[in-house]
Amino acid sequence: MCLAVPAKIIAINGEEAVVELGGLRRTAVVSFIKDPQIGDYVLLHAGFAIRKWSEEDVREYNEIVQGVNLPGDPLSAVPDNESSS
């Protein structure tokens, strides 16, 4: 399964940009994006920005994934303290 995540462009140098997601900075190729600008949100997949996202898109994504334990997530194996009593 492939996963794309939202990231914010914080610097641009030609067809590459530095993006920030969850406090981490990564290099991303932005050549698929029309007129990328610092401050834009993009959907990042395998190091490529594949489309722009609005702040509302990012807010909705964060609401959906908040609290979701994904398979392989090291925290998903931690028992909930309330359910163990």
PDB file of N, CA and C in Angstrom:
ATOM      1  N   MET A   1       0.846  -1.171   0.000  1.00  0.00           N
ATOM      2  CA  MET A   1       0.000   0.000   0.000  1.00  0.00           C
ATOM      3  C   MET A   1       0.894   1.238   0.000  1.00  0.00           C
ATOM      4  N   CYS A   2       0.502   2.215  -0.783  1.00  0.00           N
ATOM      5  CA  CYS A   2       1.247   3.473  -0.852  1.00  0.00           C
ATOM      6  C   CYS A   2       0.551   4.510   0.011  1.00  0.00           C
ATOM      7  N   LEU A   3       1.340   5.399   0.554  1.00  0.00           N
ATOM      8  CA  LEU A   3       0.799   6.420   1.428  1.00  0.00           C
ATOM      9  C   LEU A   3       1.338   7.776   1.017  1.00  0.00           C
ATOM     10  N   ALA A   4       0.458   8.735   0.914  1.00  0.00           N
ATOM     11  CA  ALA A   4       0.852  10.118   0.653  1.00  0.00           C
ATOM     12  C   ALA A   4       0.429  10.937   1.865  1.00  0.00           C
ATOM     13  N   VAL A   5       1.243  11.914   2.222  1.00  0.00           N
ATOM     14  CA  VAL A   5       0.971  12.723   3.405  1.00  0.00           C
ATOM     15  C   VAL A   5       1.093  14.207   3.064  1.00  0.00           C
ATOM     16  N   PRO A   6       0.355  15.055   3.779  1.00  0.00           N
ATOM     17  CA  PRO A   6       0.474  16.489   3.530  1.00  0.00           C
ATOM     18  C   PRO A   6       1.757  17.060   4.130  1.00  0.00           C
ATOM     19  N   ALA A   7       2.348  18.000   3.420  1.00  0.00           N
ATOM     20  CA  ALA A   7       3.564  18.672   3.877  1.00  0.00           C
ATOM     21  C   ALA A   7       3.496  20.131   3.444  1.00  0.00           C
ATOM     22  N   LYS A   8       4.236  20.972   4.149  1.00  0.00           N
ATOM     23  CA  LYS A   8       4.254  22.405   3.844  1.00  0.00           C
ATOM     24  C   LYS A   8       5.601  22.776   3.237  1.00  0.00           C
ATOM     25  N   ILE A   9       5.560  23.500   2.128  1.00  0.00           N
ATOM     26  CA  ILE A   9       6.794  23.945   1.483  1.00  0.00           C
ATOM     27  C   ILE A   9       7.389  25.092   2.308  1.00  0.00           C
ATOM     28  N   ILE A  10       8.670  24.933   2.693  1.00  0.00           N
ATOM     29  CA  ILE A  10       9.317  25.994   3.468  1.00  0.00           C
ATOM     30  C   ILE A  10      10.489  26.633   2.730  1.00  0.00           C
ATOM     31  N   ALA A  11      10.948  25.990   1.639  1.00  0.00           N
ATOM     32  CA  ALA A  11      12.011  26.571   0.816  1.00  0.00           C
ATOM     33  C   ALA A  11      11.940  25.927  -0.561  1.00  0.00           C
ATOM     34  N   ILE A  12      12.304  26.692  -1.592  1.00  0.00           N
ATOM     35  CA  ILE A  12      12.294  26.177  -2.962  1.00  0.00           C
ATOM     36  C   ILE A  12      13.611  26.522  -3.630  1.00  0.00           C
ATOM     37  N   ASN A  13      14.148  25.526  -4.347  1.00  0.00           N
ATOM     38  CA  ASN A  13      15.356  25.739  -5.134  1.00  0.00           C
ATOM     39  C   ASN A  13      15.171  25.004  -6.453  1.00  0.00           C
ATOM     40  N   GLY A  14      14.671  25.691  -7.454  1.00  0.00           N
ATOM     41  CA  GLY A  14      14.407  25.065  -8.745  1.00  0.00           C
ATOM     42  C   GLY A  14      13.255  24.091  -8.652  1.00  0.00           C
ATOM     43  N   GLU A  15      13.528  22.833  -9.061  1.00  0.00           N
ATOM     44  CA  GLU A  15      12.482  21.805  -9.026  1.00  0.00           C
ATOM     45  C   GLU A  15      12.464  21.022  -7.722  1.00  0.00           C
ATOM     46  N   GLU A  16      13.292  21.421  -6.763  1.00  0.00           N
ATOM     47  CA  GLU A  16      13.301  20.783  -5.450  1.00  0.00           C
ATOM     48  C   GLU A  16      12.851  21.783  -4.390  1.00  0.00           C
ATOM     49  N   ALA A  17      12.282  21.246  -3.340  1.00  0.00           N
ATOM     50  CA  ALA A  17      11.841  22.082  -2.226  1.00  0.00           C
ATOM     51  C   ALA A  17      12.166  21.367  -0.924  1.00  0.00           C
ATOM     52  N   VAL A  18      12.265  22.140   0.124  1.00  0.00           N
ATOM     53  CA  VAL A  18      12.319  21.583   1.471  1.00  0.00           C
ATOM     54  C   VAL A  18      10.901  21.680   2.000  1.00  0.00           C
ATOM     55  N   VAL A  19      10.385  20.541   2.448  1.00  0.00           N
ATOM     56  CA  VAL A  19       9.035  20.509   2.997  1.00  0.00           C
ATOM     57  C   VAL A  19       9.110  20.063   4.450  1.00  0.00           C
ATOM     58  N   GLU A  20       8.093  20.438   5.205  1.00  0.00           N
ATOM     59  CA  GLU A  20       8.034  20.074   6.621  1.00  0.00           C
ATOM     60  C   GLU A  20       6.753  19.295   6.870  1.00  0.00           C
ATOM     61  N   LEU A  21       6.901  18.164   7.552  1.00  0.00           N
ATOM     62  CA  LEU A  21       5.748  17.379   7.946  1.00  0.00           C
ATOM     63  C   LEU A  21       5.995  16.808   9.330  1.00  0.00           C
ATOM     64  N   GLY A  22       5.105  17.100  10.226  1.00  0.00           N
ATOM     65  CA  GLY A  22       5.246  16.597  11.586  1.00  0.00           C
ATOM     66  C   GLY A  22       6.534  17.015  12.268  1.00  0.00           C
ATOM     67  N   GLY A  23       7.046  18.201  11.943  1.00  0.00           N
ATOM     68  CA  GLY A  23       8.276  18.693  12.544  1.00  0.00           C
ATOM     69  C   GLY A  23       9.536  18.206  11.850  1.00  0.00           C
ATOM     70  N   LEU A  24       9.411  17.305  10.885  1.00  0.00           N
ATOM     71  CA  LEU A  24      10.554  16.802  10.134  1.00  0.00           C
ATOM     72  C   LEU A  24      10.669  17.533   8.804  1.00  0.00           C
ATOM     73  N   ARG A  25      11.899  17.746   8.378  1.00  0.00           N
ATOM     74  CA  ARG A  25      12.131  18.393   7.083  1.00  0.00           C
ATOM     75  C   ARG A  25      12.688  17.375   6.103  1.00  0.00           C
ATOM     76  N   ARG A  26      12.167  17.428   4.897  1.00  0.00           N
ATOM     77  CA  ARG A  26      12.580  16.512   3.835  1.00  0.00           C
ATOM     78  C   ARG A  26      12.730  17.301   2.538  1.00  0.00           C
ATOM     79  N   THR A  27      13.505  16.744   1.615  1.00  0.00           N
ATOM     80  CA  THR A  27      13.598  17.302   0.281  1.00  0.00           C
ATOM     81  C   THR A  27      12.528  16.642  -0.572  1.00  0.00           C
ATOM     82  N   ALA A  28      11.870  17.438  -1.412  1.00  0.00           N
ATOM     83  CA  ALA A  28      10.824  16.910  -2.276  1.00  0.00           C
ATOM     84  C   ALA A  28      10.962  17.511  -3.670  1.00  0.00           C
ATOM     85  N   VAL A  29      10.614  16.736  -4.661  1.00  0.00           N
ATOM     86  CA  VAL A  29      10.576  17.223  -6.032  1.00  0.00           C
ATOM     87  C   VAL A  29       9.218  17.890  -6.242  1.00  0.00           C
ATOM     88  N   VAL A  30       9.227  19.126  -6.730  1.00  0.00           N
ATOM     89  CA  VAL A  30       7.975  19.866  -6.921  1.00  0.00           C
ATOM     90  C   VAL A  30       7.674  20.135  -8.397  1.00  0.00           C
ATOM     91  N   SER A  31       8.329  19.414  -9.288  1.00  0.00           N
ATOM     92  CA  SER A  31       8.147  19.662 -10.715  1.00  0.00           C
ATOM     93  C   SER A  31       6.753  19.285 -11.222  1.00  0.00           C
ATOM     94  N   PHE A  32       5.992  18.475 -10.466  1.00  0.00           N
ATOM     95  CA  PHE A  32       4.627  18.122 -10.864  1.00  0.00           C
ATOM     96  C   PHE A  32       3.607  19.185 -10.448  1.00  0.00           C
ATOM     97  N   ILE A  33       4.024  20.135  -9.631  1.00  0.00           N
ATOM     98  CA  ILE A  33       3.124  21.149  -9.080  1.00  0.00           C
ATOM     99  C   ILE A  33       3.211  22.430  -9.909  1.00  0.00           C
ATOM    100  N   LYS A  34       2.062  22.984 -10.257  1.00  0.00           N
ATOM    101  CA  LYS A  34       2.037  24.241 -10.989  1.00  0.00           C
ATOM    102  C   LYS A  34       2.293  25.396 -10.020  1.00  0.00           C
ATOM    103  N   ASP A  35       3.319  26.171 -10.301  1.00  0.00           N
ATOM    104  CA  ASP A  35       3.663  27.373  -9.540  1.00  0.00           C
ATOM    105  C   ASP A  35       3.772  27.136  -8.029  1.00  0.00           C
ATOM    106  N   PRO A  36       4.673  26.235  -7.600  1.00  0.00           N
ATOM    107  CA  PRO A  36       4.831  26.013  -6.157  1.00  0.00           C
ATOM    108  C   PRO A  36       5.380  27.259  -5.464  1.00  0.00           C
ATOM    109  N   GLN A  37       4.853  27.545  -4.287  1.00  0.00           N
ATOM    110  CA  GLN A  37       5.251  28.717  -3.517  1.00  0.00           C
ATOM    111  C   GLN A  37       5.535  28.312  -2.080  1.00  0.00           C
ATOM    112  N   ILE A  38       6.432  29.045  -1.433  1.00  0.00           N
ATOM    113  CA  ILE A  38       6.681  28.832  -0.005  1.00  0.00           C
ATOM    114  C   ILE A  38       5.369  29.071   0.737  1.00  0.00           C
ATOM    115  N   GLY A  39       5.053  28.151   1.629  1.00  0.00           N
ATOM    116  CA  GLY A  39       3.811  28.243   2.390  1.00  0.00           C
ATOM    117  C   GLY A  39       2.705  27.361   1.835  1.00  0.00           C
ATOM    118  N   ASP A  40       2.852  26.888   0.590  1.00  0.00           N
ATOM    119  CA  ASP A  40       1.859  25.978   0.020  1.00  0.00           C
ATOM    120  C   ASP A  40       1.896  24.643   0.737  1.00  0.00           C
ATOM    121  N   TYR A  41       0.728  24.025   0.857  1.00  0.00           N
ATOM    122  CA  TYR A  41       0.647  22.647   1.324  1.00  0.00           C
ATOM    123  C   TYR A  41       0.569  21.745   0.107  1.00  0.00           C
ATOM    124  N   VAL A  42       1.295  20.633   0.160  1.00  0.00           N
ATOM    125  CA  VAL A  42       1.292  19.675  -0.944  1.00  0.00           C
ATOM    126  C   VAL A  42       1.082  18.276  -0.396  1.00  0.00           C
ATOM    127  N   LEU A  43       0.593  17.410  -1.252  1.00  0.00           N
ATOM    128  CA  LEU A  43       0.473  16.005  -0.912  1.00  0.00           C
ATOM    129  C   LEU A  43       1.762  15.348  -1.375  1.00  0.00           C
ATOM    130  N   LEU A  44       2.494  14.754  -0.439  1.00  0.00           N
ATOM    131  CA  LEU A  44       3.824  14.212  -0.695  1.00  0.00           C
ATOM    132  C   LEU A  44       3.771  12.686  -0.771  1.00  0.00           C
ATOM    133  N   HIS A  45       4.309  12.143  -1.879  1.00  0.00           N
ATOM    134  CA  HIS A  45       4.341  10.693  -2.063  1.00  0.00           C
ATOM    135  C   HIS A  45       5.698  10.300  -2.623  1.00  0.00           C
ATOM    136  N   ALA A  46       6.418   9.468  -1.894  1.00  0.00           N
ATOM    137  CA  ALA A  46       7.716   8.943  -2.333  1.00  0.00           C
ATOM    138  C   ALA A  46       8.674  10.054  -2.755  1.00  0.00           C
ATOM    139  N   GLY A  47       8.644  11.164  -2.025  1.00  0.00           N
ATOM    140  CA  GLY A  47       9.562  12.265  -2.307  1.00  0.00           C
ATOM    141  C   GLY A  47       9.106  13.222  -3.380  1.00  0.00           C
ATOM    142  N   PHE A  48       7.895  13.025  -3.905  1.00  0.00           N
ATOM    143  CA  PHE A  48       7.342  13.893  -4.942  1.00  0.00           C
ATOM    144  C   PHE A  48       6.085  14.583  -4.436  1.00  0.00           C
ATOM    145  N   ALA A  49       5.999  15.885  -4.646  1.00  0.00           N
ATOM    146  CA  ALA A  49       4.766  16.619  -4.370  1.00  0.00           C
ATOM    147  C   ALA A  49       3.848  16.346  -5.555  1.00  0.00           C
ATOM    148  N   ILE A  50       2.702  15.706  -5.297  1.00  0.00           N
ATOM    149  CA  ILE A  50       1.850  15.281  -6.407  1.00  0.00           C
ATOM    150  C   ILE A  50       0.629  16.171  -6.617  1.00  0.00           C
ATOM    151  N   ARG A  51       0.309  17.023  -5.669  1.00  0.00           N
ATOM    152  CA  ARG A  51      -0.775  17.995  -5.850  1.00  0.00           C
ATOM    153  C   ARG A  51      -0.766  18.982  -4.694  1.00  0.00           C
ATOM    154  N   LYS A  52      -1.344  20.147  -4.914  1.00  0.00           N
ATOM    155  CA  LYS A  52      -1.477  21.134  -3.840  1.00  0.00           C
ATOM    156  C   LYS A  52      -2.692  20.786  -2.996  1.00  0.00           C
ATOM    157  N   TRP A  53      -2.602  21.148  -1.725  1.00  0.00           N
ATOM    158  CA  TRP A  53      -3.716  20.994  -0.804  1.00  0.00           C
ATOM    159  C   TRP A  53      -3.984  22.329  -0.143  1.00  0.00           C
ATOM    160  N   SER A  54      -5.239  22.555   0.214  1.00  0.00           N
ATOM    161  CA  SER A  54      -5.606  23.759   0.951  1.00  0.00           C
ATOM    162  C   SER A  54      -5.405  23.509   2.449  1.00  0.00           C
ATOM    163  N   GLU A  55      -5.421  24.589   3.219  1.00  0.00           N
ATOM    164  CA  GLU A  55      -5.332  24.431   4.680  1.00  0.00           C
ATOM    165  C   GLU A  55      -6.503  23.607   5.193  1.00  0.00           C
ATOM    166  N   GLU A  56      -7.674  23.770   4.580  1.00  0.00           N
ATOM    167  CA  GLU A  56      -8.850  23.001   4.985  1.00  0.00           C
ATOM    168  C   GLU A  56      -8.646  21.507   4.716  1.00  0.00           C
ATOM    169  N   ASP A  57      -8.022  21.158   3.572  1.00  0.00           N
ATOM    170  CA  ASP A  57      -7.710  19.759   3.276  1.00  0.00           C
ATOM    171  C   ASP A  57      -6.809  19.168   4.360  1.00  0.00           C
ATOM    172  N   VAL A  58      -5.786  19.914   4.743  1.00  0.00           N
ATOM    173  CA  VAL A  58      -4.837  19.448   5.756  1.00  0.00           C
ATOM    174  C   VAL A  58      -5.528  19.311   7.109  1.00  0.00           C
ATOM    175  N   ARG A  59      -6.369  20.267   7.451  1.00  0.00           N
ATOM    176  CA  ARG A  59      -7.090  20.210   8.728  1.00  0.00           C
ATOM    177  C   ARG A  59      -8.001  18.973   8.766  1.00  0.00           C
ATOM    178  N   GLU A  60      -8.702  18.703   7.670  1.00  0.00           N
ATOM    179  CA  GLU A  60      -9.582  17.537   7.611  1.00  0.00           C
ATOM    180  C   GLU A  60      -8.778  16.234   7.701  1.00  0.00           C
ATOM    181  N   TYR A  61      -7.655  16.157   7.005  1.00  0.00           N
ATOM    182  CA  TYR A  61      -6.781  14.988   7.069  1.00  0.00           C
ATOM    183  C   TYR A  61      -6.337  14.744   8.514  1.00  0.00           C
ATOM    184  N   ASN A  62      -5.892  15.802   9.187  1.00  0.00           N
ATOM    185  CA  ASN A  62      -5.415  15.665  10.570  1.00  0.00           C
ATOM    186  C   ASN A  62      -6.520  15.187  11.506  1.00  0.00           C
ATOM    187  N   GLU A  63      -7.749  15.646  11.290  1.00  0.00           N
ATOM    188  CA  GLU A  63      -8.866  15.200  12.116  1.00  0.00           C
ATOM    189  C   GLU A  63      -9.155  13.718  11.896  1.00  0.00           C
ATOM    190  N   ILE A  64      -9.032  13.282  10.645  1.00  0.00           N
ATOM    191  CA  ILE A  64      -9.316  11.882  10.321  1.00  0.00           C
ATOM    192  C   ILE A  64      -8.279  10.952  10.924  1.00  0.00           C
ATOM    193  N   VAL A  65      -6.998  11.291  10.799  1.00  0.00           N
ATOM    194  CA  VAL A  65      -5.950  10.370  11.246  1.00  0.00           C
ATOM    195  C   VAL A  65      -5.596  10.510  12.723  1.00  0.00           C
ATOM    196  N   GLN A  66      -6.091  11.538  13.375  1.00  0.00           N
ATOM    197  CA  GLN A  66      -5.780  11.724  14.793  1.00  0.00           C
ATOM    198  C   GLN A  66      -6.316  10.543  15.597  1.00  0.00           C
ATOM    199  N   GLY A  67      -5.433   9.905  16.314  1.00  0.00           N
ATOM    200  CA  GLY A  67      -5.839   8.801  17.174  1.00  0.00           C
ATOM    201  C   GLY A  67      -5.966   7.469  16.477  1.00  0.00           C
ATOM    202  N   VAL A  68      -5.665   7.405  15.181  1.00  0.00           N
ATOM    203  CA  VAL A  68      -5.754   6.138  14.459  1.00  0.00           C
ATOM    204  C   VAL A  68      -4.466   5.365  14.658  1.00  0.00           C
ATOM    205  N   ASN A  69      -4.576   4.115  15.085  1.00  0.00           N
ATOM    206  CA  ASN A  69      -3.409   3.232  15.202  1.00  0.00           C
ATOM    207  C   ASN A  69      -3.324   2.404  13.939  1.00  0.00           C
ATOM    208  N   LEU A  70      -2.290   2.619  13.169  1.00  0.00           N
ATOM    209  CA  LEU A  70      -2.097   1.890  11.929  1.00  0.00           C
ATOM    210  C   LEU A  70      -1.314   0.615  12.188  1.00  0.00           C
ATOM    211  N   PRO A  71      -1.565  -0.434  11.398  1.00  0.00           N
ATOM    212  CA  PRO A  71      -0.764  -1.662  11.553  1.00  0.00           C
ATOM    213  C   PRO A  71       0.719  -1.347  11.409  1.00  0.00           C
ATOM    214  N   GLY A  72       1.521  -1.903  12.270  1.00  0.00           N
ATOM    215  CA  GLY A  72       2.949  -1.639  12.236  1.00  0.00           C
ATOM    216  C   GLY A  72       3.353  -0.435  13.058  1.00  0.00           C
ATOM    217  N   ASP A  73       2.383   0.304  13.580  1.00  0.00           N
ATOM    218  CA  ASP A  73       2.653   1.445  14.442  1.00  0.00           C
ATOM    219  C   ASP A  73       3.107   0.902  15.791  1.00  0.00           C
ATOM    220  N   PRO A  74       4.324   1.265  16.248  1.00  0.00           N
ATOM    221  CA  PRO A  74       4.806   0.704  17.509  1.00  0.00           C
ATOM    222  C   PRO A  74       3.900   1.017  18.690  1.00  0.00           C
ATOM    223  N   LEU A  75       3.149   2.089  18.629  1.00  0.00           N
ATOM    224  CA  LEU A  75       2.265   2.430  19.742  1.00  0.00           C
ATOM    225  C   LEU A  75       0.979   1.627  19.720  1.00  0.00           C
ATOM    226  N   SER A  76       0.660   0.980  18.591  1.00  0.00           N
ATOM    227  CA  SER A  76      -0.591   0.207  18.528  1.00  0.00           C
ATOM    228  C   SER A  76      -0.529  -1.032  19.422  1.00  0.00           C
ATOM    229  N   ALA A  77       0.666  -1.473  19.782  1.00  0.00           N
ATOM    230  CA  ALA A  77       0.809  -2.653  20.632  1.00  0.00           C
ATOM    231  C   ALA A  77       0.775  -2.301  22.126  1.00  0.00           C
ATOM    232  N   VAL A  78       0.796  -1.014  22.442  1.00  0.00           N
ATOM    233  CA  VAL A  78       0.778  -0.589  23.839  1.00  0.00           C
ATOM    234  C   VAL A  78      -0.654  -0.667  24.363  1.00  0.00           C
ATOM    235  N   PRO A  79      -0.890  -1.436  25.434  1.00  0.00           N
ATOM    236  CA  PRO A  79      -2.259  -1.559  25.949  1.00  0.00           C
ATOM    237  C   PRO A  79      -2.747  -0.237  26.540  1.00  0.00           C
ATOM    238  N   ASP A  80      -4.038  -0.002  26.381  1.00  0.00           N
ATOM    239  CA  ASP A  80      -4.674   1.172  26.952  1.00  0.00           C
ATOM    240  C   ASP A  80      -4.830   0.953  28.457  1.00  0.00           C
ATOM    241  N   ASN A  81      -4.355   1.888  29.273  1.00  0.00           N
ATOM    242  CA  ASN A  81      -4.390   1.750  30.734  1.00  0.00           C
ATOM    243  C   ASN A  81      -5.807   1.591  31.271  1.00  0.00           C
ATOM    244  N   GLU A  82      -6.766   2.300  30.689  1.00  0.00           N
ATOM    245  CA  GLU A  82      -8.135   2.228  31.190  1.00  0.00           C
ATOM    246  C   GLU A  82      -8.770   0.883  30.925  1.00  0.00           C
ATOM    247  N   SER A  83      -8.459   0.265  29.790  1.00  0.00           N
ATOM    248  CA  SER A  83      -9.109  -1.021  29.455  1.00  0.00           C
ATOM    249  C   SER A  83      -8.480  -2.182  30.221  1.00  0.00           C
ATOM    250  N   SER A  84      -7.305  -2.005  30.809  1.00  0.00           N
ATOM    251  CA  SER A  84      -6.650  -3.104  31.524  1.00  0.00           C
ATOM    252  C   SER A  84      -7.064  -3.206  32.980  1.00  0.00           C
ATOM    253  N   SER A  85      -7.876  -2.265  33.481  1.00  0.00           N
ATOM    254  CA  SER A  85      -8.279  -2.313  34.875  1.00  0.00           C
ATOM    255  C   SER A  85      -9.460  -3.202  35.085  1.00  0.00           C
TER     256      SER A  85
END
